[in-house]
């Protein structure tokens, strides 16, 4: 437990520094690094790193996309770059058809998109509003991570009553009671954070209203998506017989073990905030 707390504290400190530098290329660099490391962990889980050419193409896509999204105008270059990466994957498969199967290539392609595109959504959230961009990122991360904390406390409180397993073959410790508690926790935290954020920004001279109904509903949905993301990562680990994706964060595992929920929450947040206004 002490190791987990220390790792979490270090991670939070790094996150604060990155958010302070959100308007600089440092933010894009960190997003790219996260995507590359998470991709590395997923490729390692299925023993795909031995295919160096294919892995290199996947890593190049993950590293470049956060910068192309930020510093290129229009989507033409992104389309061309993405299509070129797919072309290279298949060209490599033709050249090495006796060594690599289509299933491996399909897995590598899938996890590359799974890690890169949702992480790029964090950049889109930051760019969505010059005033509230950082707040959107904080809400996104809270929506992905705080459900676990809420589920833990509710599960601990519920120990005197019967518990109902959520997906015992994938994640034996998760219960329906904990899941409901986690979802409710995210909605509550969203509302409390927005209330405090509104007060702080008011002191800075920025006055706006908060649509708490949209915010709480969004929090509930983020809580559900966070559970799905966590279970999806657990499913991959079970199928490939590994406990954690890595050990970069002692006590927590790899970055995929921490960001699995973010991969589902971030695209949802980007979509919602592009169609609905929560601060007006």
C-alpha atoms as a PDB file:
ATOM      1  CA  UNK A   1       0.000   0.000   0.000  1.00  0.00           C
ATOM      2  CA  UNK A   2       2.832   2.408   0.860  1.00  0.00           C
ATOM      3  CA  UNK A   3       4.441   1.739  -2.513  1.00  0.00           C
ATOM      4  CA  UNK A   4       1.158   2.431  -4.299  1.00  0.00           C
ATOM      5  CA  UNK A   5       0.698   5.708  -2.430  1.00  0.00           C
ATOM      6  CA  UNK A   6       4.248   6.869  -3.192  1.00  0.00           C
ATOM      7  CA  UNK A   7       3.868   5.981  -6.887  1.00  0.00           C
ATOM      8  CA  UNK A   8       0.523   7.783  -7.024  1.00  0.00           C
ATOM      9  CA  UNK A   9       1.978  10.875  -5.338  1.00  0.00           C
ATOM     10  CA  UNK A  10       4.863  11.004  -7.823  1.00  0.00           C
ATOM     11  CA  UNK A  11       2.430  10.532 -10.704  1.00  0.00           C
ATOM     12  CA  UNK A  12       0.192  13.339  -9.460  1.00  0.00           C
ATOM     13  CA  UNK A  13       3.176  15.678  -9.076  1.00  0.00           C
ATOM     14  CA  UNK A  14       4.281  14.955 -12.649  1.00  0.00           C
ATOM     15  CA  UNK A  15       0.711  15.447 -13.896  1.00  0.00           C
ATOM     16  CA  UNK A  16       0.491  18.856 -12.218  1.00  0.00           C
ATOM     17  CA  UNK A  17       3.717  19.985 -13.871  1.00  0.00           C
ATOM     18  CA  UNK A  18       2.505  18.752 -17.263  1.00  0.00           C
ATOM     19  CA  UNK A  19      -0.825  20.551 -16.858  1.00  0.00           C
ATOM     20  CA  UNK A  20       0.988  23.765 -15.948  1.00  0.00           C
ATOM     21  CA  UNK A  21       2.863  23.402 -19.243  1.00  0.00           C
ATOM     22  CA  UNK A  22      -0.281  22.456 -21.165  1.00  0.00           C
ATOM     23  CA  UNK A  23       0.134  25.225 -23.741  1.00  0.00           C
ATOM     24  CA  UNK A  24       3.662  24.143 -24.685  1.00  0.00           C
ATOM     25  CA  UNK A  25       4.976  21.225 -26.790  1.00  0.00           C
ATOM     26  CA  UNK A  26       5.771  19.472 -23.494  1.00  0.00           C
ATOM     27  CA  UNK A  27       2.129  18.419 -23.263  1.00  0.00           C
ATOM     28  CA  UNK A  28       2.212  16.848 -26.732  1.00  0.00           C
ATOM     29  CA  UNK A  29       5.518  15.162 -25.924  1.00  0.00           C
ATOM     30  CA  UNK A  30       4.090  13.609 -22.754  1.00  0.00           C
ATOM     31  CA  UNK A  31       0.966  12.398 -24.572  1.00  0.00           C
ATOM     32  CA  UNK A  32       3.159  10.863 -27.279  1.00  0.00           C
ATOM     33  CA  UNK A  33       5.383   9.192 -24.676  1.00  0.00           C
ATOM     34  CA  UNK A  34       2.372   7.766 -22.853  1.00  0.00           C
ATOM     35  CA  UNK A  35       0.928   6.391 -26.085  1.00  0.00           C
ATOM     36  CA  UNK A  36       4.255   4.802 -27.090  1.00  0.00           C
ATOM     37  CA  UNK A  37       4.821   3.177 -23.685  1.00  0.00           C
ATOM     38  CA  UNK A  38       1.260   1.849 -23.507  1.00  0.00           C
ATOM     39  CA  UNK A  39       1.614   0.494 -27.031  1.00  0.00           C
ATOM     40  CA  UNK A  40       4.909  -1.149 -26.060  1.00  0.00           C
ATOM     41  CA  UNK A  41       3.189  -2.881 -23.136  1.00  0.00           C
ATOM     42  CA  UNK A  42       0.359  -4.174 -25.322  1.00  0.00           C
ATOM     43  CA  UNK A  43       2.711  -5.409 -28.041  1.00  0.00           C
ATOM     44  CA  UNK A  44       4.825  -7.115 -25.405  1.00  0.00           C
ATOM     45  CA  UNK A  45       1.760  -8.868 -23.972  1.00  0.00           C
ATOM     46  CA  UNK A  46       1.170 -10.646 -27.295  1.00  0.00           C
ATOM     47  CA  UNK A  47       4.881 -11.135 -28.055  1.00  0.00           C
ATOM     48  CA  UNK A  48       4.770  -8.815 -31.058  1.00  0.00           C
ATOM     49  CA  UNK A  49       7.971  -6.901 -30.335  1.00  0.00           C
ATOM     50  CA  UNK A  50       9.977  -9.516 -32.197  1.00  0.00           C
ATOM     51  CA  UNK A  51       8.513  -8.112 -35.428  1.00  0.00           C
ATOM     52  CA  UNK A  52      10.745  -5.075 -35.409  1.00  0.00           C
ATOM     53  CA  UNK A  53       9.651  -3.474 -38.677  1.00  0.00           C
ATOM     54  CA  UNK A  54       5.960  -3.684 -37.844  1.00  0.00           C
ATOM     55  CA  UNK A  55       6.573  -2.519 -34.273  1.00  0.00           C
ATOM     56  CA  UNK A  56       8.584   0.418 -35.568  1.00  0.00           C
ATOM     57  CA  UNK A  57       5.736   1.522 -37.831  1.00  0.00           C
ATOM     58  CA  UNK A  58       3.287   1.311 -34.922  1.00  0.00           C
ATOM     59  CA  UNK A  59       5.580   3.273 -32.616  1.00  0.00           C
ATOM     60  CA  UNK A  60       6.119   5.926 -35.306  1.00  0.00           C
ATOM     61  CA  UNK A  61       2.347   6.383 -35.622  1.00  0.00           C
ATOM     62  CA  UNK A  62       1.879   6.671 -31.856  1.00  0.00           C
ATOM     63  CA  UNK A  63       4.752   9.154 -31.495  1.00  0.00           C
ATOM     64  CA  UNK A  64       3.825  11.372 -34.432  1.00  0.00           C
ATOM     65  CA  UNK A  65       0.044  11.682 -34.117  1.00  0.00           C
ATOM     66  CA  UNK A  66      -0.025  13.956 -31.037  1.00  0.00           C
ATOM     67  CA  UNK A  67       2.161  16.457 -32.916  1.00  0.00           C
ATOM     68  CA  UNK A  68       0.413  16.149 -36.284  1.00  0.00           C
ATOM     69  CA  UNK A  69      -2.919  16.766 -34.587  1.00  0.00           C
ATOM     70  CA  UNK A  70      -1.592  19.935 -32.965  1.00  0.00           C
ATOM     71  CA  UNK A  71       0.662  21.451 -35.600  1.00  0.00           C
ATOM     72  CA  UNK A  72      -0.864  20.598 -38.981  1.00  0.00           C
ATOM     73  CA  UNK A  73      -3.737  22.419 -40.627  1.00  0.00           C
ATOM     74  CA  UNK A  74      -6.497  20.272 -42.019  1.00  0.00           C
ATOM     75  CA  UNK A  75      -6.667  16.499 -42.008  1.00  0.00           C
ATOM     76  CA  UNK A  76      -4.926  15.736 -45.295  1.00  0.00           C
ATOM     77  CA  UNK A  77      -1.485  15.117 -43.802  1.00  0.00           C
ATOM     78  CA  UNK A  78      -2.957  12.970 -41.030  1.00  0.00           C
ATOM     79  CA  UNK A  79      -4.881  10.881 -43.574  1.00  0.00           C
ATOM     80  CA  UNK A  80      -1.799  10.453 -45.731  1.00  0.00           C
ATOM     81  CA  UNK A  81       0.396   9.562 -42.761  1.00  0.00           C
ATOM     82  CA  UNK A  82      -2.120   7.073 -41.361  1.00  0.00           C
ATOM     83  CA  UNK A  83      -2.655   5.422 -44.733  1.00  0.00           C
ATOM     84  CA  UNK A  84       1.099   5.232 -45.264  1.00  0.00           C
ATOM     85  CA  UNK A  85       1.525   3.419 -41.945  1.00  0.00           C
ATOM     86  CA  UNK A  86      -1.140   0.886 -42.927  1.00  0.00           C
ATOM     87  CA  UNK A  87       0.556   0.421 -46.311  1.00  0.00           C
ATOM     88  CA  UNK A  88       3.886  -0.220 -44.599  1.00  0.00           C
ATOM     89  CA  UNK A  89       2.326  -2.764 -42.249  1.00  0.00           C
ATOM     90  CA  UNK A  90       0.940  -4.771 -45.152  1.00  0.00           C
ATOM     91  CA  UNK A  91       4.078  -4.347 -47.251  1.00  0.00           C
ATOM     92  CA  UNK A  92       6.049  -5.729 -44.328  1.00  0.00           C
ATOM     93  CA  UNK A  93       3.569  -8.576 -44.004  1.00  0.00           C
ATOM     94  CA  UNK A  94       4.061  -9.486 -47.665  1.00  0.00           C
ATOM     95  CA  UNK A  95       7.827  -9.450 -47.245  1.00  0.00           C
ATOM     96  CA  UNK A  96       7.660 -11.517 -44.031  1.00  0.00           C
ATOM     97  CA  UNK A  97       4.577 -13.627 -44.787  1.00  0.00           C
ATOM     98  CA  UNK A  98       6.281 -16.774 -43.511  1.00  0.00           C
ATOM     99  CA  UNK A  99       7.102 -15.197 -40.175  1.00  0.00           C
ATOM    100  CA  UNK A 100       4.091 -13.085 -39.220  1.00  0.00           C
ATOM    101  CA  UNK A 101       0.401 -13.969 -39.370  1.00  0.00           C
ATOM    102  CA  UNK A 102      -2.457 -11.682 -40.281  1.00  0.00           C
ATOM    103  CA  UNK A 103      -3.823 -12.098 -36.735  1.00  0.00           C
ATOM    104  CA  UNK A 104      -0.629 -10.582 -35.344  1.00  0.00           C
ATOM    105  CA  UNK A 105      -0.760  -7.684 -37.795  1.00  0.00           C
ATOM    106  CA  UNK A 106      -4.427  -7.097 -36.990  1.00  0.00           C
ATOM    107  CA  UNK A 107      -3.655  -7.091 -33.265  1.00  0.00           C
ATOM    108  CA  UNK A 108      -0.785  -4.627 -33.728  1.00  0.00           C
ATOM    109  CA  UNK A 109      -2.969  -2.344 -35.864  1.00  0.00           C
ATOM    110  CA  UNK A 110      -5.828  -2.483 -33.355  1.00  0.00           C
ATOM    111  CA  UNK A 111      -3.792  -1.728 -30.240  1.00  0.00           C
ATOM    112  CA  UNK A 112      -1.960   1.069 -32.047  1.00  0.00           C
ATOM    113  CA  UNK A 113      -5.263   2.809 -32.700  1.00  0.00           C
ATOM    114  CA  UNK A 114      -6.518   1.892 -29.223  1.00  0.00           C
ATOM    115  CA  UNK A 115      -3.641   3.659 -27.491  1.00  0.00           C
ATOM    116  CA  UNK A 116      -2.943   6.550 -29.867  1.00  0.00           C
ATOM    117  CA  UNK A 117      -6.298   8.006 -30.861  1.00  0.00           C
ATOM    118  CA  UNK A 118      -7.866   8.193 -27.374  1.00  0.00           C
ATOM    119  CA  UNK A 119      -4.696   9.761 -25.966  1.00  0.00           C
ATOM    120  CA  UNK A 120      -4.834  12.339 -28.754  1.00  0.00           C
ATOM    121  CA  UNK A 121      -8.318  13.185 -27.485  1.00  0.00           C
ATOM    122  CA  UNK A 122      -6.595  14.702 -24.436  1.00  0.00           C
ATOM    123  CA  UNK A 123      -4.963  17.215 -26.782  1.00  0.00           C
ATOM    124  CA  UNK A 124      -8.332  17.952 -28.368  1.00  0.00           C
ATOM    125  CA  UNK A 125      -9.820  18.520 -24.912  1.00  0.00           C
ATOM    126  CA  UNK A 126      -7.037  20.964 -24.062  1.00  0.00           C
ATOM    127  CA  UNK A 127      -7.598  22.818 -27.337  1.00  0.00           C
ATOM    128  CA  UNK A 128     -11.388  22.824 -27.004  1.00  0.00           C
ATOM    129  CA  UNK A 129     -11.446  25.965 -24.860  1.00  0.00           C
ATOM    130  CA  UNK A 130      -8.711  28.436 -23.989  1.00  0.00           C
ATOM    131  CA  UNK A 131     -10.149  28.943 -20.494  1.00  0.00           C
ATOM    132  CA  UNK A 132     -11.588  25.549 -19.586  1.00  0.00           C
ATOM    133  CA  UNK A 133      -9.266  23.208 -21.499  1.00  0.00           C
ATOM    134  CA  UNK A 134      -7.243  22.124 -18.458  1.00  0.00           C
ATOM    135  CA  UNK A 135     -10.466  21.645 -16.483  1.00  0.00           C
ATOM    136  CA  UNK A 136     -11.728  19.303 -19.205  1.00  0.00           C
ATOM    137  CA  UNK A 137      -8.568  17.209 -18.921  1.00  0.00           C
ATOM    138  CA  UNK A 138      -8.867  17.021 -15.127  1.00  0.00           C
ATOM    139  CA  UNK A 139     -12.510  15.957 -15.423  1.00  0.00           C
ATOM    140  CA  UNK A 140     -11.535  13.331 -17.994  1.00  0.00           C
ATOM    141  CA  UNK A 141      -8.851  11.816 -15.760  1.00  0.00           C
ATOM    142  CA  UNK A 142     -11.126  12.005 -12.720  1.00  0.00           C
ATOM    143  CA  UNK A 143     -13.890  10.288 -14.671  1.00  0.00           C
ATOM    144  CA  UNK A 144     -11.510   7.482 -15.585  1.00  0.00           C
ATOM    145  CA  UNK A 145      -9.795   6.986 -12.224  1.00  0.00           C
ATOM    146  CA  UNK A 146     -12.102   7.943  -9.377  1.00  0.00           C
ATOM    147  CA  UNK A 147     -14.630   5.230 -10.117  1.00  0.00           C
ATOM    148  CA  UNK A 148     -12.136   2.678  -8.794  1.00  0.00           C
ATOM    149  CA  UNK A 149     -11.778   4.588  -5.534  1.00  0.00           C
ATOM    150  CA  UNK A 150     -15.531   4.891  -5.120  1.00  0.00           C
ATOM    151  CA  UNK A 151     -15.976   1.200  -5.871  1.00  0.00           C
ATOM    152  CA  UNK A 152     -13.331   0.296  -3.286  1.00  0.00           C
ATOM    153  CA  UNK A 153     -14.932   2.304  -0.493  1.00  0.00           C
ATOM    154  CA  UNK A 154     -18.443   1.124  -1.296  1.00  0.00           C
ATOM    155  CA  UNK A 155     -17.218  -2.455  -1.512  1.00  0.00           C
ATOM    156  CA  UNK A 156     -15.524  -2.097   1.869  1.00  0.00           C
ATOM    157  CA  UNK A 157     -18.674  -0.613   3.402  1.00  0.00           C
ATOM    158  CA  UNK A 158     -20.779  -3.394   1.825  1.00  0.00           C
ATOM    159  CA  UNK A 159     -18.774  -6.184   3.472  1.00  0.00           C
ATOM    160  CA  UNK A 160     -21.557  -6.811   5.964  1.00  0.00           C
ATOM    161  CA  UNK A 161     -24.045  -7.578   3.166  1.00  0.00           C
ATOM    162  CA  UNK A 162     -24.108 -10.016   0.315  1.00  0.00           C
ATOM    163  CA  UNK A 163     -22.099  -8.964  -2.729  1.00  0.00           C
ATOM    164  CA  UNK A 164     -22.831  -9.808  -6.346  1.00  0.00           C
ATOM    165  CA  UNK A 165     -19.857 -10.416  -8.612  1.00  0.00           C
ATOM    166  CA  UNK A 166     -19.701  -8.281 -11.742  1.00  0.00           C
ATOM    167  CA  UNK A 167     -17.367 -10.350 -13.974  1.00  0.00           C
ATOM    168  CA  UNK A 168     -15.792 -12.995 -11.743  1.00  0.00           C
ATOM    169  CA  UNK A 169     -13.857 -14.716 -14.532  1.00  0.00           C
ATOM    170  CA  UNK A 170     -12.264 -11.461 -15.687  1.00  0.00           C
ATOM    171  CA  UNK A 171     -11.934  -9.440 -12.475  1.00  0.00           C
ATOM    172  CA  UNK A 172     -12.892 -11.512  -9.394  1.00  0.00           C
ATOM    173  CA  UNK A 173     -12.878  -8.568  -6.973  1.00  0.00           C
ATOM    174  CA  UNK A 174     -15.317  -6.356  -8.852  1.00  0.00           C
ATOM    175  CA  UNK A 175     -18.933  -6.353  -7.674  1.00  0.00           C
ATOM    176  CA  UNK A 176     -22.139  -4.765  -8.898  1.00  0.00           C
ATOM    177  CA  UNK A 177     -22.392  -2.867  -5.624  1.00  0.00           C
ATOM    178  CA  UNK A 178     -18.899  -1.444  -6.076  1.00  0.00           C
ATOM    179  CA  UNK A 179     -19.618  -0.566  -9.702  1.00  0.00           C
ATOM    180  CA  UNK A 180     -22.725   1.393  -8.759  1.00  0.00           C
ATOM    181  CA  UNK A 181     -20.804   3.139  -5.996  1.00  0.00           C
ATOM    182  CA  UNK A 182     -18.019   4.033  -8.396  1.00  0.00           C
ATOM    183  CA  UNK A 183     -20.407   5.479 -10.978  1.00  0.00           C
ATOM    184  CA  UNK A 184     -22.202   7.567  -8.340  1.00  0.00           C
ATOM    185  CA  UNK A 185     -18.848   8.736  -6.964  1.00  0.00           C
ATOM    186  CA  UNK A 186     -17.738  10.070 -10.350  1.00  0.00           C
ATOM    187  CA  UNK A 187     -20.977  12.010 -10.794  1.00  0.00           C
ATOM    188  CA  UNK A 188     -20.650  13.515  -7.314  1.00  0.00           C
ATOM    189  CA  UNK A 189     -16.983  14.431  -7.792  1.00  0.00           C
ATOM    190  CA  UNK A 190     -17.763  16.091 -11.135  1.00  0.00           C
ATOM    191  CA  UNK A 191     -20.342  18.315  -9.457  1.00  0.00           C
ATOM    192  CA  UNK A 192     -18.092  19.178  -6.489  1.00  0.00           C
ATOM    193  CA  UNK A 193     -15.091  19.892  -8.700  1.00  0.00           C
ATOM    194  CA  UNK A 194     -17.152  22.142 -10.990  1.00  0.00           C
ATOM    195  CA  UNK A 195     -18.498  24.032  -7.963  1.00  0.00           C
ATOM    196  CA  UNK A 196     -14.988  24.689  -6.653  1.00  0.00           C
ATOM    197  CA  UNK A 197     -13.696  25.480 -10.141  1.00  0.00           C
ATOM    198  CA  UNK A 198     -16.458  28.049 -10.648  1.00  0.00           C
ATOM    199  CA  UNK A 199     -15.547  29.789  -7.373  1.00  0.00           C
ATOM    200  CA  UNK A 200     -11.821  29.889  -8.159  1.00  0.00           C
ATOM    201  CA  UNK A 201     -12.367  31.229 -11.673  1.00  0.00           C
ATOM    202  CA  UNK A 202     -14.808  33.783 -10.280  1.00  0.00           C
ATOM    203  CA  UNK A 203     -12.061  35.193  -8.065  1.00  0.00           C
ATOM    204  CA  UNK A 204      -9.910  35.441 -11.196  1.00  0.00           C
ATOM    205  CA  UNK A 205     -12.581  37.501 -12.909  1.00  0.00           C
ATOM    206  CA  UNK A 206     -14.088  34.771 -15.091  1.00  0.00           C
ATOM    207  CA  UNK A 207     -17.785  34.377 -14.381  1.00  0.00           C
ATOM    208  CA  UNK A 208     -19.879  31.594 -15.891  1.00  0.00           C
ATOM    209  CA  UNK A 209     -22.717  29.242 -15.083  1.00  0.00           C
ATOM    210  CA  UNK A 210     -22.368  25.490 -14.657  1.00  0.00           C
ATOM    211  CA  UNK A 211     -24.858  23.073 -16.179  1.00  0.00           C
ATOM    212  CA  UNK A 212     -24.834  20.581 -13.308  1.00  0.00           C
ATOM    213  CA  UNK A 213     -27.405  18.279 -14.904  1.00  0.00           C
ATOM    214  CA  UNK A 214     -25.223  17.678 -17.971  1.00  0.00           C
ATOM    215  CA  UNK A 215     -22.151  17.432 -15.776  1.00  0.00           C
ATOM    216  CA  UNK A 216     -23.524  14.793 -13.403  1.00  0.00           C
ATOM    217  CA  UNK A 217     -24.970  12.694 -16.238  1.00  0.00           C
ATOM    218  CA  UNK A 218     -21.624  12.933 -18.003  1.00  0.00           C
ATOM    219  CA  UNK A 219     -19.933  11.788 -14.794  1.00  0.00           C
ATOM    220  CA  UNK A 220     -22.210   8.756 -14.522  1.00  0.00           C
ATOM    221  CA  UNK A 221     -21.465   7.739 -18.101  1.00  0.00           C
ATOM    222  CA  UNK A 222     -17.731   8.247 -17.565  1.00  0.00           C
ATOM    223  CA  UNK A 223     -17.965   5.963 -14.531  1.00  0.00           C
ATOM    224  CA  UNK A 224     -19.559   3.229 -16.650  1.00  0.00           C
ATOM    225  CA  UNK A 225     -17.005   3.673 -19.450  1.00  0.00           C
ATOM    226  CA  UNK A 226     -14.202   3.535 -16.903  1.00  0.00           C
ATOM    227  CA  UNK A 227     -15.433   0.144 -15.715  1.00  0.00           C
ATOM    228  CA  UNK A 228     -15.647  -1.132 -19.287  1.00  0.00           C
ATOM    229  CA  UNK A 229     -12.102   0.097 -19.979  1.00  0.00           C
ATOM    230  CA  UNK A 230     -10.746  -1.563 -16.849  1.00  0.00           C
ATOM    231  CA  UNK A 231     -12.489  -4.862 -17.609  1.00  0.00           C
ATOM    232  CA  UNK A 232     -11.285  -4.742 -21.227  1.00  0.00           C
ATOM    233  CA  UNK A 233      -7.673  -4.428 -20.095  1.00  0.00           C
ATOM    234  CA  UNK A 234      -8.205  -7.212 -17.544  1.00  0.00           C
ATOM    235  CA  UNK A 235      -9.603  -9.415 -20.316  1.00  0.00           C
ATOM    236  CA  UNK A 236      -6.462  -8.914 -22.396  1.00  0.00           C
ATOM    237  CA  UNK A 237      -4.278  -9.767 -19.396  1.00  0.00           C
ATOM    238  CA  UNK A 238      -6.258 -12.908 -18.609  1.00  0.00           C
ATOM    239  CA  UNK A 239      -6.130 -14.128 -22.202  1.00  0.00           C
ATOM    240  CA  UNK A 240      -2.380 -13.602 -22.441  1.00  0.00           C
ATOM    241  CA  UNK A 241      -1.638 -14.891 -18.940  1.00  0.00           C
ATOM    242  CA  UNK A 242      -0.047 -11.799 -17.415  1.00  0.00           C
ATOM    243  CA  UNK A 243      -0.739 -10.081 -14.091  1.00  0.00           C
ATOM    244  CA  UNK A 244       0.243  -6.540 -15.097  1.00  0.00           C
ATOM    245  CA  UNK A 245       1.177  -4.877 -18.364  1.00  0.00           C
ATOM    246  CA  UNK A 246       4.434  -3.590 -16.874  1.00  0.00           C
ATOM    247  CA  UNK A 247       6.135  -2.311 -13.747  1.00  0.00           C
ATOM    248  CA  UNK A 248       6.845   1.313 -14.620  1.00  0.00           C
ATOM    249  CA  UNK A 249       4.647   2.363 -11.670  1.00  0.00           C
ATOM    250  CA  UNK A 250       5.543   0.208  -8.644  1.00  0.00           C
ATOM    251  CA  UNK A 251       2.439  -1.027  -6.906  1.00  0.00           C
ATOM    252  CA  UNK A 252       0.245  -0.123  -9.886  1.00  0.00           C
ATOM    253  CA  UNK A 253       1.816  -1.994 -12.804  1.00  0.00           C
ATOM    254  CA  UNK A 254       2.286  -0.511 -16.240  1.00  0.00           C
ATOM    255  CA  UNK A 255       0.832   2.592 -17.824  1.00  0.00           C
ATOM    256  CA  UNK A 256      -1.871   0.482 -19.478  1.00  0.00           C
ATOM    257  CA  UNK A 257      -2.926  -0.646 -16.011  1.00  0.00           C
ATOM    258  CA  UNK A 258      -3.471   3.012 -15.083  1.00  0.00           C
ATOM    259  CA  UNK A 259      -4.743   4.466 -18.352  1.00  0.00           C
ATOM    260  CA  UNK A 260      -7.004   1.644 -19.535  1.00  0.00           C
ATOM    261  CA  UNK A 261     -10.112   3.551 -18.454  1.00  0.00           C
ATOM    262  CA  UNK A 262      -8.856   6.810 -19.999  1.00  0.00           C
ATOM    263  CA  UNK A 263      -8.877   5.141 -23.411  1.00  0.00           C
ATOM    264  CA  UNK A 264     -12.672   4.937 -23.293  1.00  0.00           C
ATOM    265  CA  UNK A 265     -13.468   8.057 -21.287  1.00  0.00           C
ATOM    266  CA  UNK A 266     -11.381  10.560 -23.288  1.00  0.00           C
ATOM    267  CA  UNK A 267     -13.142  10.049 -26.668  1.00  0.00           C
ATOM    268  CA  UNK A 268     -16.533  10.278 -24.947  1.00  0.00           C
ATOM    269  CA  UNK A 269     -15.551  13.510 -23.199  1.00  0.00           C
ATOM    270  CA  UNK A 270     -14.291  14.999 -26.454  1.00  0.00           C
ATOM    271  CA  UNK A 271     -17.530  14.102 -28.249  1.00  0.00           C
ATOM    272  CA  UNK A 272     -19.805  15.419 -25.491  1.00  0.00           C
ATOM    273  CA  UNK A 273     -17.932  18.679 -25.006  1.00  0.00           C
ATOM    274  CA  UNK A 274     -17.978  19.342 -28.735  1.00  0.00           C
ATOM    275  CA  UNK A 275     -21.794  19.125 -28.750  1.00  0.00           C
ATOM    276  CA  UNK A 276     -22.870  20.262 -25.281  1.00  0.00           C
ATOM    277  CA  UNK A 277     -21.905  23.231 -23.115  1.00  0.00           C
ATOM    278  CA  UNK A 278     -21.326  22.617 -19.421  1.00  0.00           C
ATOM    279  CA  UNK A 279     -19.774  26.025 -18.672  1.00  0.00           C
ATOM    280  CA  UNK A 280     -21.641  29.007 -20.121  1.00  0.00           C
END
